[in-house]
Amino acid sequence: MGLNSLPVAFGVDTAKYICVGSIDVTQLGVAAYLAFGLHQTTYAAVLLGLILPQIFFQVKYFLPDPIENDVTYQVSTKLADVCTHICLFLLACTTVLCSFTLGFIVANVRSVCG
């Protein structure tokens, strides 16, 4: 029963690129799907804006020395994650509020116009 983590299996240098690449490609793929597949460009732009700080911290802290800067990177990305969750929550609330308001307006126009 040996430990077969990414650094053990591939070495630290290769593992750091596999880790960062798998995270970024997945998240950028979701943003691209939102933009081009679902035509939700606003959501895609917001998601892209939230992914960019993560990529910045990966390049600044994680990729140069993942062992030395692991804690600094984890803290910086957790702060970015909190901001991401807050922004996505506010975006969802705005969407619900806009849908409710639009429904209210349509209902009132129908009642007035008969």
Protein backbone atom coordinates (compact mmCIF):
# COMPACT_ATOMS: atom_id res chain seq x y z
CA MET A 1 0.00 0.00 0.00
CA GLY A 2 2.14 2.83 -1.28
CA LEU A 3 1.30 6.49 -1.61
CA ASN A 4 0.73 7.23 -5.28
CA SER A 5 0.00 10.97 -5.32
CA LEU A 6 0.81 13.23 -8.26
CA PRO A 7 4.21 14.33 -6.90
CA VAL A 8 5.16 10.73 -6.14
CA ALA A 9 4.00 9.42 -9.51
CA PHE A 10 5.27 12.24 -11.73
CA GLY A 11 7.70 14.31 -9.66
CA VAL A 12 7.10 17.77 -8.22
CA ASP A 13 7.79 19.72 -11.42
CA THR A 14 5.41 17.72 -13.60
CA ALA A 15 2.77 17.41 -10.85
CA LYS A 16 2.51 21.17 -10.38
CA TYR A 17 1.67 21.64 -14.07
CA ILE A 18 -0.82 18.75 -14.05
CA CYS A 19 -2.52 20.23 -10.98
CA VAL A 20 -2.70 23.80 -12.28
CA GLY A 21 -3.59 22.69 -15.81
CA SER A 22 -6.45 20.44 -14.74
CA ILE A 23 -7.97 23.17 -12.55
CA ASP A 24 -7.62 25.95 -15.13
CA VAL A 25 -8.68 23.94 -18.19
CA THR A 26 -11.82 22.73 -16.40
CA GLN A 27 -12.83 26.17 -15.17
CA LEU A 28 -12.03 27.89 -18.48
CA GLY A 29 -13.96 25.14 -20.26
CA VAL A 30 -17.03 25.88 -18.14
CA ALA A 31 -16.69 29.59 -18.91
CA ALA A 32 -16.39 28.82 -22.64
CA TYR A 33 -19.45 26.54 -22.46
CA LEU A 34 -21.42 29.30 -20.77
CA ALA A 35 -20.35 31.84 -23.39
CA PHE A 36 -20.54 29.80 -26.58
CA GLY A 37 -22.78 26.87 -25.73
CA LEU A 38 -25.45 28.52 -23.62
CA HIS A 39 -24.91 32.10 -24.87
CA GLN A 40 -24.72 33.35 -21.28
CA THR A 41 -21.94 35.85 -21.88
CA THR A 42 -22.53 37.79 -18.68
CA TYR A 43 -22.11 34.70 -16.52
CA ALA A 44 -19.10 33.63 -18.57
CA ALA A 45 -17.47 37.06 -18.16
CA VAL A 46 -18.09 37.05 -14.40
CA LEU A 47 -16.68 33.53 -14.12
CA LEU A 48 -13.65 34.50 -16.20
CA GLY A 49 -13.12 37.53 -13.98
CA LEU A 50 -13.11 35.22 -10.97
CA ILE A 51 -10.74 32.71 -12.58
CA LEU A 52 -8.09 35.29 -13.52
CA PRO A 53 -7.00 36.08 -9.93
CA GLN A 54 -6.60 32.35 -9.30
CA ILE A 55 -4.33 32.04 -12.34
CA PHE A 56 -2.36 35.06 -11.13
CA PHE A 57 -1.77 33.43 -7.72
CA GLN A 58 -0.83 30.14 -9.39
CA VAL A 59 1.81 31.86 -11.50
CA LYS A 60 3.06 34.07 -8.67
CA TYR A 61 3.19 31.55 -5.82
CA PHE A 62 2.51 27.95 -6.79
CA LEU A 63 4.42 27.36 -10.02
CA PRO A 64 7.78 28.90 -8.98
CA ASP A 65 8.07 26.75 -5.83
CA PRO A 66 5.02 24.67 -4.86
CA ILE A 67 6.64 23.21 -1.74
CA GLU A 68 7.83 26.54 -0.28
CA ASN A 69 4.78 28.58 -1.27
CA ASP A 70 2.05 25.99 -0.70
CA VAL A 71 0.54 27.67 2.37
CA THR A 72 0.72 31.17 0.84
CA TYR A 73 -0.93 29.88 -2.33
CA GLN A 74 -3.67 28.05 -0.40
CA VAL A 75 -4.50 31.15 1.66
CA SER A 76 -4.57 33.44 -1.38
CA THR A 77 -6.82 31.08 -3.33
CA LYS A 78 -9.15 30.61 -0.36
CA LEU A 79 -9.62 34.39 -0.23
CA ALA A 80 -10.33 34.34 -3.97
CA ASP A 81 -12.77 31.44 -3.43
CA VAL A 82 -14.68 33.43 -0.81
CA CYS A 83 -14.92 36.38 -3.20
CA THR A 84 -16.04 34.00 -5.95
CA HIS A 85 -18.80 32.54 -3.81
CA ILE A 86 -20.00 35.98 -2.76
CA CYS A 87 -20.03 37.24 -6.36
CA LEU A 88 -21.85 34.17 -7.64
CA PHE A 89 -24.41 34.46 -4.83
CA LEU A 90 -25.00 38.13 -5.65
CA LEU A 91 -25.27 37.32 -9.34
CA ALA A 92 -27.82 34.58 -8.62
CA CYS A 93 -29.81 36.93 -6.37
CA THR A 94 -29.78 39.59 -9.07
CA THR A 95 -30.99 37.08 -11.65
CA VAL A 96 -33.83 35.92 -9.40
CA LEU A 97 -34.77 39.50 -8.56
CA CYS A 98 -34.77 40.50 -12.24
CA SER A 99 -36.90 37.46 -13.14
CA PHE A 100 -39.35 38.25 -10.34
CA THR A 101 -39.53 41.92 -11.33
CA LEU A 102 -40.02 41.07 -15.00
CA GLY A 103 -42.76 38.60 -14.10
CA PHE A 104 -44.45 41.21 -11.93
CA ILE A 105 -44.31 43.81 -14.72
CA VAL A 106 -45.66 41.37 -17.32
CA ALA A 107 -48.51 40.36 -15.00
CA ASN A 108 -49.44 44.00 -14.38
CA VAL A 109 -49.29 44.89 -18.09
CA ARG A 110 -51.54 41.94 -18.89
CA SER A 111 -54.05 42.96 -16.21
CA VAL A 112 -54.10 46.58 -17.41
CA CYS A 113 -54.20 45.78 -21.12
CA GLY A 114 -56.73 43.05 -20.66
